[in-house]
């Protein structure tokens, strides 16, 4: 049992318990997607999940722990998608590799914009560094390996932090677009994709 207020109170060890936790997280996703942070509370999540509030508190001690679990879940999903894309794009032109990664990042942000915006807000507010370190390291490692093995970058003399730099550039541009997007209005994701691609290609271009 964890004493950290942002960690689950206990981990499910049986199939039934795991199903309960999954139902709670799915319900939390639905509530946050429908109502954003203003309408997000443990009573509503428990109601949508079909469990008692007491059952929810057996696993998540507070609302912040529930949000932290959603952020960790989203980051793990993002890491898995990036790893798959890097492997699938092995041997393809660099522009295709970058485009595939940008597509994933844009979909992660805008596929469920209300949900993503809420998680972004809470990620800035909550002390989640260690909780997210595994997923973030997976992302950086996958992208860095793709750069280091790509023939188009063989003479680029990229620094060891190249992947982290590119991820920071993409994150800044995508989240800035999300911050200025109007609710319920289709974002200009094609234009955003091209701007991110231009920025990354500019960074990766060998100096002359």
N, C-alpha and C. Protein backbone atom coordinates (compact mmCIF):
# COMPACT_ATOMS: atom_id res chain seq x y z
N UNK A 1 0.84 -1.20 0.00
CA UNK A 1 0.00 0.00 0.00
C UNK A 1 0.88 1.25 0.00
N UNK A 2 0.59 2.21 -0.89
CA UNK A 2 1.43 3.39 -1.03
C UNK A 2 0.92 4.52 -0.16
N UNK A 3 1.86 5.31 0.41
CA UNK A 3 1.52 6.50 1.17
C UNK A 3 1.61 7.77 0.34
N UNK A 4 2.09 7.65 -0.90
CA UNK A 4 2.17 8.78 -1.80
C UNK A 4 0.76 9.14 -2.26
N UNK A 5 0.30 10.40 -2.02
CA UNK A 5 -1.08 10.77 -2.37
C UNK A 5 -1.36 10.75 -3.86
N UNK A 6 -0.31 10.69 -4.70
CA UNK A 6 -0.53 10.66 -6.14
C UNK A 6 -0.44 9.25 -6.72
N UNK A 7 -0.14 8.27 -5.89
CA UNK A 7 -0.05 6.90 -6.36
C UNK A 7 -1.29 6.12 -5.94
N UNK A 8 -1.65 5.08 -6.73
CA UNK A 8 -2.77 4.24 -6.31
C UNK A 8 -2.56 3.71 -4.90
N UNK A 9 -3.63 3.62 -4.14
CA UNK A 9 -3.53 3.16 -2.75
C UNK A 9 -3.06 1.72 -2.70
N UNK A 10 -3.54 0.90 -3.63
CA UNK A 10 -3.08 -0.47 -3.73
C UNK A 10 -3.20 -0.91 -5.18
N UNK A 11 -2.45 -1.91 -5.55
CA UNK A 11 -2.49 -2.43 -6.91
C UNK A 11 -3.42 -3.63 -6.98
N UNK A 12 -4.21 -3.74 -8.05
CA UNK A 12 -5.11 -4.90 -8.17
C UNK A 12 -4.32 -6.17 -8.40
N UNK A 13 -4.62 -7.20 -7.63
CA UNK A 13 -3.88 -8.46 -7.73
C UNK A 13 -4.74 -9.60 -8.26
N UNK A 14 -6.03 -9.37 -8.41
CA UNK A 14 -6.92 -10.38 -8.94
C UNK A 14 -7.62 -9.83 -10.17
N UNK A 15 -8.12 -10.74 -10.99
CA UNK A 15 -8.77 -10.33 -12.24
C UNK A 15 -9.94 -9.40 -11.97
N UNK A 16 -10.73 -9.72 -10.98
CA UNK A 16 -11.88 -8.88 -10.67
C UNK A 16 -11.45 -7.48 -10.24
N UNK A 17 -10.41 -7.40 -9.42
CA UNK A 17 -9.92 -6.10 -8.97
C UNK A 17 -9.36 -5.29 -10.13
N UNK A 18 -8.64 -5.98 -11.03
CA UNK A 18 -8.09 -5.30 -12.20
C UNK A 18 -9.22 -4.77 -13.08
N UNK A 19 -10.29 -5.52 -13.19
CA UNK A 19 -11.45 -5.08 -13.99
C UNK A 19 -12.10 -3.85 -13.34
N UNK A 20 -12.12 -3.82 -12.02
CA UNK A 20 -12.69 -2.66 -11.32
C UNK A 20 -11.85 -1.41 -11.57
N UNK A 21 -10.55 -1.55 -11.47
CA UNK A 21 -9.65 -0.41 -11.72
C UNK A 21 -9.79 0.07 -13.16
N UNK A 22 -9.88 -0.86 -14.10
CA UNK A 22 -10.04 -0.49 -15.50
C UNK A 22 -11.36 0.26 -15.72
N UNK A 23 -12.42 -0.21 -15.06
CA UNK A 23 -13.72 0.45 -15.18
C UNK A 23 -13.66 1.87 -14.60
N UNK A 24 -12.95 2.03 -13.50
CA UNK A 24 -12.81 3.36 -12.89
C UNK A 24 -12.04 4.30 -13.82
N UNK A 25 -10.95 3.81 -14.41
CA UNK A 25 -10.15 4.66 -15.30
C UNK A 25 -10.91 5.01 -16.57
N UNK A 26 -11.67 4.05 -17.10
CA UNK A 26 -12.48 4.34 -18.29
C UNK A 26 -13.56 5.36 -17.95
N UNK A 27 -14.18 5.22 -16.80
CA UNK A 27 -15.19 6.18 -16.38
C UNK A 27 -14.58 7.56 -16.16
N UNK A 28 -13.40 7.59 -15.56
CA UNK A 28 -12.72 8.87 -15.34
C UNK A 28 -12.41 9.55 -16.67
N UNK A 29 -12.02 8.77 -17.65
CA UNK A 29 -11.76 9.31 -18.98
C UNK A 29 -13.02 9.91 -19.57
N UNK A 30 -14.13 9.21 -19.44
CA UNK A 30 -15.40 9.71 -19.98
C UNK A 30 -15.83 11.00 -19.29
N UNK A 31 -15.74 11.02 -17.97
CA UNK A 31 -16.17 12.20 -17.23
C UNK A 31 -15.29 13.39 -17.57
N UNK A 32 -13.99 13.17 -17.61
CA UNK A 32 -13.08 14.27 -17.93
C UNK A 32 -13.27 14.75 -19.36
N UNK A 33 -13.57 13.84 -20.27
CA UNK A 33 -13.82 14.20 -21.67
C UNK A 33 -15.10 15.01 -21.82
N UNK A 34 -16.12 14.64 -21.04
CA UNK A 34 -17.43 15.31 -21.15
C UNK A 34 -17.48 16.63 -20.39
N UNK A 35 -16.84 16.66 -19.23
CA UNK A 35 -17.03 17.79 -18.32
C UNK A 35 -15.76 18.57 -18.02
N UNK A 36 -14.63 18.12 -18.51
CA UNK A 36 -13.32 18.69 -18.21
C UNK A 36 -13.13 18.72 -16.69
N UNK A 37 -12.19 19.53 -16.22
CA UNK A 37 -11.86 19.52 -14.80
C UNK A 37 -12.96 20.11 -13.92
N UNK A 38 -13.75 21.02 -14.47
CA UNK A 38 -14.79 21.67 -13.67
C UNK A 38 -15.83 20.68 -13.16
N UNK A 39 -16.12 19.66 -13.96
CA UNK A 39 -17.14 18.69 -13.56
C UNK A 39 -16.59 17.34 -13.17
N UNK A 40 -15.28 17.31 -12.88
CA UNK A 40 -14.62 16.04 -12.59
C UNK A 40 -14.51 15.85 -11.08
N UNK A 41 -15.14 14.81 -10.56
CA UNK A 41 -15.03 14.48 -9.13
C UNK A 41 -15.20 12.98 -8.94
N UNK A 42 -14.77 12.50 -7.81
CA UNK A 42 -14.77 11.06 -7.58
C UNK A 42 -16.18 10.49 -7.49
N UNK A 43 -17.14 11.26 -6.98
CA UNK A 43 -18.52 10.78 -6.91
C UNK A 43 -19.06 10.49 -8.31
N UNK A 44 -18.82 11.42 -9.23
CA UNK A 44 -19.31 11.24 -10.60
C UNK A 44 -18.60 10.08 -11.28
N UNK A 45 -17.30 9.95 -11.08
CA UNK A 45 -16.55 8.85 -11.68
C UNK A 45 -17.07 7.51 -11.17
N UNK A 46 -17.28 7.41 -9.86
CA UNK A 46 -17.79 6.16 -9.29
C UNK A 46 -19.16 5.82 -9.86
N UNK A 47 -20.00 6.84 -10.01
CA UNK A 47 -21.34 6.62 -10.57
C UNK A 47 -21.25 6.08 -11.98
N UNK A 48 -20.43 6.69 -12.83
CA UNK A 48 -20.29 6.25 -14.22
C UNK A 48 -19.66 4.86 -14.28
N UNK A 49 -18.73 4.57 -13.37
CA UNK A 49 -18.07 3.27 -13.36
C UNK A 49 -18.96 2.17 -12.82
N UNK A 50 -20.03 2.55 -12.13
CA UNK A 50 -20.91 1.54 -11.54
C UNK A 50 -20.34 0.92 -10.28
N UNK A 51 -19.53 1.68 -9.55
CA UNK A 51 -18.96 1.19 -8.29
C UNK A 51 -19.26 2.21 -7.20
N UNK A 52 -19.09 1.81 -5.96
CA UNK A 52 -19.27 2.74 -4.86
C UNK A 52 -18.06 3.64 -4.74
N UNK A 53 -18.26 4.80 -4.12
CA UNK A 53 -17.14 5.70 -3.89
C UNK A 53 -16.10 5.02 -2.99
N UNK A 54 -16.59 4.21 -2.06
CA UNK A 54 -15.68 3.47 -1.20
C UNK A 54 -14.79 2.53 -1.98
N UNK A 55 -15.37 1.88 -2.99
CA UNK A 55 -14.56 0.99 -3.84
C UNK A 55 -13.51 1.77 -4.61
N UNK A 56 -13.90 2.95 -5.10
CA UNK A 56 -12.94 3.79 -5.82
C UNK A 56 -11.78 4.17 -4.90
N UNK A 57 -12.11 4.56 -3.65
CA UNK A 57 -11.08 4.99 -2.72
C UNK A 57 -10.18 3.84 -2.25
N UNK A 58 -10.61 2.61 -2.45
CA UNK A 58 -9.72 1.49 -2.15
C UNK A 58 -8.47 1.52 -3.02
N UNK A 59 -8.62 2.08 -4.22
CA UNK A 59 -7.51 2.10 -5.17
C UNK A 59 -6.93 3.49 -5.35
N UNK A 60 -7.76 4.52 -5.35
CA UNK A 60 -7.30 5.89 -5.58
C UNK A 60 -7.70 6.76 -4.38
N UNK A 61 -6.73 7.25 -3.62
CA UNK A 61 -7.04 7.95 -2.37
C UNK A 61 -7.71 9.31 -2.56
N UNK A 62 -7.62 9.89 -3.75
CA UNK A 62 -8.19 11.21 -3.99
C UNK A 62 -8.29 11.46 -5.49
N UNK A 63 -8.86 12.59 -5.84
CA UNK A 63 -9.02 12.95 -7.25
C UNK A 63 -7.69 13.12 -7.96
N UNK A 64 -6.71 13.68 -7.25
CA UNK A 64 -5.40 13.90 -7.86
C UNK A 64 -4.74 12.59 -8.24
N UNK A 65 -4.88 11.58 -7.40
CA UNK A 65 -4.30 10.26 -7.71
C UNK A 65 -4.97 9.65 -8.94
N UNK A 66 -6.25 9.89 -9.08
CA UNK A 66 -6.98 9.39 -10.24
C UNK A 66 -6.51 10.07 -11.51
N UNK A 67 -6.33 11.39 -11.45
CA UNK A 67 -5.83 12.13 -12.60
C UNK A 67 -4.40 11.70 -12.93
N UNK A 68 -3.58 11.50 -11.91
CA UNK A 68 -2.20 11.05 -12.13
C UNK A 68 -2.18 9.71 -12.85
N UNK A 69 -3.08 8.82 -12.49
CA UNK A 69 -3.16 7.52 -13.16
C UNK A 69 -3.55 7.68 -14.62
N UNK A 70 -4.44 8.61 -14.90
CA UNK A 70 -4.84 8.87 -16.29
C UNK A 70 -3.68 9.43 -17.09
N UNK A 71 -2.91 10.33 -16.49
CA UNK A 71 -1.76 10.91 -17.19
C UNK A 71 -0.72 9.83 -17.46
N UNK A 72 -0.43 9.02 -16.47
CA UNK A 72 0.54 7.94 -16.66
C UNK A 72 0.06 6.97 -17.74
N UNK A 73 -1.21 6.67 -17.74
CA UNK A 73 -1.79 5.76 -18.74
C UNK A 73 -1.64 6.34 -20.14
N UNK A 74 -1.94 7.63 -20.28
CA UNK A 74 -1.85 8.29 -21.59
C UNK A 74 -0.41 8.33 -22.08
N UNK A 75 0.53 8.61 -21.17
CA UNK A 75 1.93 8.67 -21.56
C UNK A 75 2.47 7.30 -21.95
N UNK A 76 2.03 6.28 -21.25
CA UNK A 76 2.45 4.92 -21.60
C UNK A 76 1.91 4.53 -22.97
N UNK A 77 0.67 4.89 -23.25
CA UNK A 77 0.08 4.62 -24.56
C UNK A 77 0.84 5.36 -25.66
N UNK A 78 1.23 6.61 -25.38
CA UNK A 78 2.00 7.40 -26.34
C UNK A 78 3.36 6.76 -26.59
N UNK A 79 4.01 6.30 -25.54
CA UNK A 79 5.31 5.64 -25.69
C UNK A 79 5.20 4.39 -26.55
N UNK A 80 4.17 3.60 -26.32
CA UNK A 80 3.96 2.38 -27.11
C UNK A 80 3.75 2.71 -28.58
N UNK A 81 2.95 3.74 -28.85
CA UNK A 81 2.67 4.13 -30.23
C UNK A 81 3.94 4.60 -30.93
N UNK A 82 4.76 5.36 -30.24
CA UNK A 82 6.00 5.85 -30.83
C UNK A 82 6.97 4.71 -31.10
N UNK A 83 7.09 3.79 -30.17
CA UNK A 83 7.97 2.64 -30.37
C UNK A 83 7.54 1.82 -31.58
N UNK A 84 6.25 1.61 -31.73
CA UNK A 84 5.74 0.85 -32.88
C UNK A 84 6.03 1.60 -34.17
N UNK A 85 5.81 2.92 -34.17
CA UNK A 85 6.05 3.71 -35.37
C UNK A 85 7.51 3.70 -35.77
N UNK A 86 8.40 3.86 -34.80
CA UNK A 86 9.84 3.84 -35.09
C UNK A 86 10.25 2.52 -35.72
N UNK A 87 9.73 1.43 -35.19
CA UNK A 87 10.08 0.11 -35.73
C UNK A 87 9.49 -0.07 -37.13
N UNK A 88 8.26 0.37 -37.32
CA UNK A 88 7.59 0.22 -38.61
C UNK A 88 8.24 1.06 -39.69
N UNK A 89 8.77 2.22 -39.31
CA UNK A 89 9.35 3.15 -40.27
C UNK A 89 10.85 2.92 -40.49
N UNK A 90 11.38 1.87 -39.90
CA UNK A 90 12.81 1.59 -40.07
C UNK A 90 13.14 1.44 -41.55
N UNK A 91 14.17 2.19 -42.02
CA UNK A 91 14.58 2.13 -43.41
C UNK A 91 13.84 3.08 -44.33
N UNK A 92 12.83 3.80 -43.80
CA UNK A 92 12.08 4.74 -44.63
C UNK A 92 12.76 6.11 -44.62
N UNK A 93 12.47 6.97 -45.62
CA UNK A 93 13.05 8.32 -45.64
C UNK A 93 12.77 9.08 -44.35
N UNK A 94 13.68 9.95 -43.98
CA UNK A 94 13.57 10.67 -42.72
C UNK A 94 12.27 11.46 -42.62
N UNK A 95 11.86 12.08 -43.70
CA UNK A 95 10.63 12.88 -43.66
C UNK A 95 9.43 12.01 -43.32
N UNK A 96 9.43 10.75 -43.76
CA UNK A 96 8.33 9.85 -43.43
C UNK A 96 8.39 9.43 -41.96
N UNK A 97 9.59 9.21 -41.46
CA UNK A 97 9.74 8.87 -40.04
C UNK A 97 9.22 10.00 -39.17
N UNK A 98 9.66 11.23 -39.48
CA UNK A 98 9.22 12.38 -38.71
C UNK A 98 7.71 12.60 -38.83
N UNK A 99 7.18 12.44 -40.04
CA UNK A 99 5.75 12.64 -40.24
C UNK A 99 4.93 11.65 -39.44
N UNK A 100 5.41 10.41 -39.39
CA UNK A 100 4.71 9.40 -38.60
C UNK A 100 4.68 9.75 -37.13
N UNK A 101 5.80 10.22 -36.61
CA UNK A 101 5.87 10.61 -35.21
C UNK A 101 5.01 11.84 -34.92
N UNK A 102 5.00 12.78 -35.85
CA UNK A 102 4.17 13.98 -35.67
C UNK A 102 2.69 13.62 -35.69
N UNK A 103 2.30 12.71 -36.58
CA UNK A 103 0.91 12.26 -36.62
C UNK A 103 0.47 11.71 -35.27
N UNK A 104 1.33 10.92 -34.66
CA UNK A 104 1.01 10.34 -33.36
C UNK A 104 0.85 11.43 -32.31
N UNK A 105 1.77 12.38 -32.30
CA UNK A 105 1.74 13.45 -31.30
C UNK A 105 0.50 14.34 -31.48
N UNK A 106 0.15 14.64 -32.72
CA UNK A 106 -1.02 15.48 -32.98
C UNK A 106 -2.30 14.74 -32.60
N UNK A 107 -2.38 13.47 -32.92
CA UNK A 107 -3.56 12.68 -32.55
C UNK A 107 -3.66 12.57 -31.03
N UNK A 108 -2.54 12.41 -30.37
CA UNK A 108 -2.52 12.34 -28.91
C UNK A 108 -3.10 13.61 -28.30
N UNK A 109 -2.82 14.76 -28.91
CA UNK A 109 -3.28 16.03 -28.37
C UNK A 109 -4.71 16.36 -28.77
N UNK A 110 -5.06 16.08 -30.04
CA UNK A 110 -6.34 16.55 -30.56
C UNK A 110 -7.38 15.45 -30.77
N UNK A 111 -6.98 14.18 -30.60
CA UNK A 111 -7.95 13.10 -30.77
C UNK A 111 -9.09 13.20 -29.77
N UNK A 112 -8.78 13.65 -28.57
CA UNK A 112 -9.78 13.94 -27.54
C UNK A 112 -9.31 15.23 -26.87
N UNK A 113 -9.62 16.34 -27.50
CA UNK A 113 -8.99 17.62 -27.13
C UNK A 113 -9.33 18.06 -25.71
N UNK A 114 -10.56 17.88 -25.28
CA UNK A 114 -10.96 18.30 -23.93
C UNK A 114 -10.19 17.49 -22.88
N UNK A 115 -10.13 16.20 -23.10
CA UNK A 115 -9.41 15.31 -22.19
C UNK A 115 -7.93 15.66 -22.14
N UNK A 116 -7.32 15.84 -23.30
CA UNK A 116 -5.89 16.16 -23.36
C UNK A 116 -5.57 17.49 -22.71
N UNK A 117 -6.42 18.48 -22.92
CA UNK A 117 -6.19 19.79 -22.31
C UNK A 117 -6.26 19.70 -20.79
N UNK A 118 -7.18 18.91 -20.28
CA UNK A 118 -7.29 18.74 -18.83
C UNK A 118 -6.05 18.05 -18.27
N UNK A 119 -5.58 17.02 -18.97
CA UNK A 119 -4.37 16.33 -18.51
C UNK A 119 -3.16 17.24 -18.58
N UNK A 120 -3.05 18.05 -19.64
CA UNK A 120 -1.93 19.00 -19.75
C UNK A 120 -1.92 19.96 -18.56
N UNK A 121 -3.09 20.45 -18.21
CA UNK A 121 -3.20 21.39 -17.09
C UNK A 121 -2.73 20.73 -15.79
N UNK A 122 -3.19 19.52 -15.55
CA UNK A 122 -2.85 18.83 -14.31
C UNK A 122 -1.40 18.36 -14.31
N UNK A 123 -0.87 18.04 -15.48
CA UNK A 123 0.54 17.64 -15.55
C UNK A 123 1.45 18.78 -15.14
N UNK A 124 1.06 20.02 -15.45
CA UNK A 124 1.84 21.17 -15.04
C UNK A 124 1.69 21.45 -13.54
N UNK A 125 0.56 21.11 -12.98
CA UNK A 125 0.26 21.45 -11.59
C UNK A 125 0.77 20.42 -10.59
N UNK A 126 0.70 19.15 -10.95
CA UNK A 126 1.03 18.08 -10.02
C UNK A 126 2.51 17.68 -10.12
N UNK A 127 3.12 17.29 -9.02
CA UNK A 127 4.53 16.84 -9.04
C UNK A 127 4.63 15.40 -9.53
N UNK A 128 4.65 15.24 -10.86
CA UNK A 128 4.57 13.91 -11.46
C UNK A 128 5.87 13.41 -12.06
N UNK A 129 6.97 14.15 -11.87
CA UNK A 129 8.21 13.83 -12.57
C UNK A 129 8.60 12.37 -12.52
N UNK A 130 8.72 11.82 -11.33
CA UNK A 130 9.16 10.42 -11.20
C UNK A 130 8.13 9.45 -11.73
N UNK A 131 6.85 9.79 -11.58
CA UNK A 131 5.78 8.91 -12.03
C UNK A 131 5.81 8.72 -13.54
N UNK A 132 6.23 9.77 -14.27
CA UNK A 132 6.20 9.73 -15.73
C UNK A 132 7.56 9.42 -16.34
N UNK A 133 8.57 9.24 -15.51
CA UNK A 133 9.93 9.10 -16.03
C UNK A 133 10.11 7.87 -16.91
N UNK A 134 9.45 6.77 -16.59
CA UNK A 134 9.62 5.55 -17.37
C UNK A 134 9.09 5.74 -18.79
N UNK A 135 7.87 6.25 -18.92
CA UNK A 135 7.28 6.47 -20.25
C UNK A 135 8.09 7.49 -21.04
N UNK A 136 8.51 8.56 -20.39
CA UNK A 136 9.27 9.59 -21.08
C UNK A 136 10.62 9.05 -21.56
N UNK A 137 11.25 8.23 -20.75
CA UNK A 137 12.53 7.64 -21.15
C UNK A 137 12.34 6.70 -22.34
N UNK A 138 11.25 5.95 -22.34
CA UNK A 138 10.96 5.08 -23.48
C UNK A 138 10.82 5.88 -24.77
N UNK A 139 10.14 7.01 -24.69
CA UNK A 139 9.93 7.85 -25.88
C UNK A 139 11.26 8.41 -26.37
N UNK A 140 12.03 8.98 -25.47
CA UNK A 140 13.33 9.56 -25.84
C UNK A 140 14.24 8.50 -26.43
N UNK A 141 14.29 7.33 -25.81
CA UNK A 141 15.17 6.25 -26.27
C UNK A 141 14.80 5.79 -27.67
N UNK A 142 13.50 5.63 -27.93
CA UNK A 142 13.05 5.18 -29.25
C UNK A 142 13.38 6.18 -30.33
N UNK A 143 13.14 7.45 -30.06
CA UNK A 143 13.39 8.50 -31.07
C UNK A 143 14.89 8.68 -31.28
N UNK A 144 15.67 8.66 -30.20
CA UNK A 144 17.11 8.82 -30.33
C UNK A 144 17.71 7.67 -31.14
N UNK A 145 17.24 6.45 -30.90
CA UNK A 145 17.73 5.29 -31.65
C UNK A 145 17.39 5.43 -33.13
N UNK A 146 16.20 5.95 -33.43
CA UNK A 146 15.80 6.16 -34.82
C UNK A 146 16.72 7.17 -35.50
N UNK A 147 17.07 8.24 -34.79
CA UNK A 147 17.96 9.26 -35.35
C UNK A 147 19.35 8.69 -35.58
N UNK A 148 19.88 8.00 -34.58
CA UNK A 148 21.26 7.53 -34.65
C UNK A 148 21.47 6.47 -35.72
N UNK A 149 20.41 5.74 -36.06
CA UNK A 149 20.54 4.67 -37.05
C UNK A 149 20.13 5.11 -38.45
N UNK A 150 19.67 6.34 -38.60
CA UNK A 150 19.15 6.76 -39.91
C UNK A 150 20.29 7.26 -40.79
N UNK A 151 20.40 6.73 -42.01
CA UNK A 151 21.52 7.12 -42.89
C UNK A 151 21.53 8.59 -43.27
N UNK A 152 20.35 9.22 -43.32
CA UNK A 152 20.30 10.63 -43.68
C UNK A 152 20.88 11.53 -42.59
N UNK A 153 21.05 10.99 -41.39
CA UNK A 153 21.59 11.78 -40.29
C UNK A 153 23.00 11.35 -39.91
N UNK A 154 23.60 10.50 -40.76
CA UNK A 154 24.92 9.94 -40.43
C UNK A 154 25.98 11.02 -40.26
N UNK A 155 25.88 12.11 -41.00
CA UNK A 155 26.89 13.17 -40.93
C UNK A 155 26.39 14.42 -40.21
N UNK A 156 25.31 14.27 -39.47
CA UNK A 156 24.70 15.44 -38.83
C UNK A 156 25.34 15.80 -37.50
N UNK A 157 26.16 14.91 -36.94
CA UNK A 157 26.80 15.15 -35.64
C UNK A 157 25.79 15.58 -34.59
N UNK A 158 24.72 14.80 -34.47
CA UNK A 158 23.66 15.14 -33.54
C UNK A 158 24.12 14.97 -32.10
N UNK A 159 23.69 15.86 -31.22
CA UNK A 159 24.04 15.71 -29.81
C UNK A 159 23.23 14.57 -29.18
N UNK A 160 23.67 14.13 -28.03
CA UNK A 160 22.98 13.04 -27.33
C UNK A 160 21.56 13.43 -26.93
N UNK A 161 21.31 14.73 -26.84
CA UNK A 161 19.98 15.21 -26.45
C UNK A 161 19.11 15.54 -27.65
N UNK A 162 19.48 15.10 -28.85
CA UNK A 162 18.73 15.46 -30.06
C UNK A 162 17.27 15.04 -29.97
N UNK A 163 17.03 13.84 -29.52
CA UNK A 163 15.64 13.36 -29.43
C UNK A 163 14.86 14.20 -28.42
N UNK A 164 15.46 14.45 -27.26
CA UNK A 164 14.79 15.25 -26.25
C UNK A 164 14.50 16.66 -26.76
N UNK A 165 15.44 17.24 -27.50
CA UNK A 165 15.23 18.56 -28.08
C UNK A 165 14.07 18.55 -29.07
N UNK A 166 14.05 17.56 -29.96
CA UNK A 166 12.99 17.47 -30.96
C UNK A 166 11.63 17.26 -30.32
N UNK A 167 11.59 16.44 -29.29
CA UNK A 167 10.33 16.20 -28.59
C UNK A 167 9.85 17.48 -27.91
N UNK A 168 10.79 18.25 -27.35
CA UNK A 168 10.42 19.51 -26.71
C UNK A 168 9.88 20.51 -27.73
N UNK A 169 10.51 20.56 -28.90
CA UNK A 169 10.05 21.45 -29.97
C UNK A 169 8.63 21.08 -30.40
N UNK A 170 8.43 19.79 -30.67
CA UNK A 170 7.11 19.33 -31.12
C UNK A 170 6.06 19.58 -30.04
N UNK A 171 6.38 19.29 -28.81
CA UNK A 171 5.44 19.47 -27.70
C UNK A 171 5.05 20.94 -27.57
N UNK A 172 6.04 21.83 -27.66
CA UNK A 172 5.76 23.26 -27.52
C UNK A 172 4.83 23.76 -28.62
N UNK A 173 5.09 23.37 -29.86
CA UNK A 173 4.27 23.83 -30.98
C UNK A 173 2.86 23.25 -30.91
N UNK A 174 2.75 21.98 -30.58
CA UNK A 174 1.44 21.32 -30.55
C UNK A 174 0.60 21.84 -29.39
N UNK A 175 1.21 22.00 -28.22
CA UNK A 175 0.45 22.49 -27.08
C UNK A 175 0.09 23.97 -27.24
N UNK A 176 0.92 24.73 -27.92
CA UNK A 176 0.57 26.13 -28.20
C UNK A 176 -0.64 26.20 -29.12
N UNK A 177 -0.67 25.33 -30.12
CA UNK A 177 -1.84 25.28 -31.01
C UNK A 177 -3.08 24.88 -30.23
N UNK A 178 -2.94 23.91 -29.34
CA UNK A 178 -4.08 23.46 -28.55
C UNK A 178 -4.59 24.58 -27.64
N UNK A 179 -3.67 25.36 -27.08
CA UNK A 179 -4.06 26.44 -26.17
C UNK A 179 -4.85 27.53 -26.90
N UNK A 180 -4.57 27.71 -28.19
CA UNK A 180 -5.26 28.75 -28.95
C UNK A 180 -6.44 28.23 -29.75
N UNK A 181 -6.67 26.94 -29.72
CA UNK A 181 -7.80 26.37 -30.46
C UNK A 181 -9.10 26.67 -29.73
N UNK A 182 -10.15 26.92 -30.50
CA UNK A 182 -11.45 27.18 -29.92
C UNK A 182 -12.17 25.87 -29.66
N UNK A 183 -12.84 25.75 -28.51
CA UNK A 183 -13.56 24.52 -28.21
C UNK A 183 -14.59 24.21 -29.30
N UNK A 184 -14.72 22.94 -29.61
CA UNK A 184 -15.72 22.45 -30.57
C UNK A 184 -15.49 22.97 -32.00
N UNK A 185 -14.26 23.46 -32.26
CA UNK A 185 -13.91 23.90 -33.61
C UNK A 185 -12.74 23.07 -34.10
N UNK A 186 -12.83 22.59 -35.34
CA UNK A 186 -11.79 21.73 -35.89
C UNK A 186 -10.45 22.46 -35.95
N UNK A 187 -9.41 21.92 -35.31
CA UNK A 187 -8.10 22.58 -35.36
C UNK A 187 -7.45 22.42 -36.73
N UNK A 188 -6.52 23.30 -37.05
CA UNK A 188 -5.82 23.24 -38.32
C UNK A 188 -4.63 22.28 -38.19
N UNK A 189 -4.95 21.00 -38.10
CA UNK A 189 -3.88 20.04 -37.81
C UNK A 189 -2.94 19.83 -38.98
N UNK A 190 -3.42 20.01 -40.22
CA UNK A 190 -2.51 19.85 -41.37
C UNK A 190 -1.44 20.94 -41.35
N UNK A 191 -1.86 22.16 -41.13
CA UNK A 191 -0.92 23.27 -41.05
C UNK A 191 0.04 23.07 -39.87
N UNK A 192 -0.50 22.60 -38.74
CA UNK A 192 0.32 22.33 -37.57
C UNK A 192 1.36 21.26 -37.88
N UNK A 193 0.93 20.20 -38.54
CA UNK A 193 1.84 19.12 -38.91
C UNK A 193 3.01 19.66 -39.73
N UNK A 194 2.72 20.50 -40.70
CA UNK A 194 3.76 21.04 -41.56
C UNK A 194 4.71 21.95 -40.80
N UNK A 195 4.19 22.72 -39.86
CA UNK A 195 5.04 23.61 -39.07
C UNK A 195 5.97 22.82 -38.15
N UNK A 196 5.45 21.77 -37.55
CA UNK A 196 6.29 20.93 -36.68
C UNK A 196 7.35 20.23 -37.52
N UNK A 197 6.94 19.72 -38.68
CA UNK A 197 7.88 19.03 -39.56
C UNK A 197 9.01 19.98 -39.99
N UNK A 198 8.67 21.21 -40.34
CA UNK A 198 9.68 22.18 -40.75
C UNK A 198 10.64 22.47 -39.60
N UNK A 199 10.10 22.61 -38.40
CA UNK A 199 10.96 22.90 -37.25
C UNK A 199 11.91 21.75 -36.96
N UNK A 200 11.42 20.53 -37.03
CA UNK A 200 12.27 19.37 -36.74
C UNK A 200 13.33 19.17 -37.82
N UNK A 201 12.94 19.34 -39.07
CA UNK A 201 13.93 19.19 -40.15
C UNK A 201 14.99 20.27 -40.04
N UNK A 202 14.59 21.48 -39.63
CA UNK A 202 15.57 22.54 -39.44
C UNK A 202 16.55 22.21 -38.35
N UNK A 203 16.07 21.62 -37.27
CA UNK A 203 16.97 21.24 -36.17
C UNK A 203 17.92 20.14 -36.60
N UNK A 204 17.42 19.17 -37.34
CA UNK A 204 18.22 18.01 -37.71
C UNK A 204 19.15 18.24 -38.89
N UNK A 205 18.97 19.35 -39.59
CA UNK A 205 19.80 19.65 -40.74
C UNK A 205 21.25 19.86 -40.30
N UNK A 206 22.19 19.17 -40.94
CA UNK A 206 23.60 19.35 -40.55
C UNK A 206 24.03 20.80 -40.78
N UNK A 207 24.80 21.38 -39.86
CA UNK A 207 25.27 22.76 -40.07
C UNK A 207 26.22 22.83 -41.25
N UNK A 208 26.16 23.94 -41.97
CA UNK A 208 27.02 24.11 -43.15
C UNK A 208 28.19 25.02 -42.82
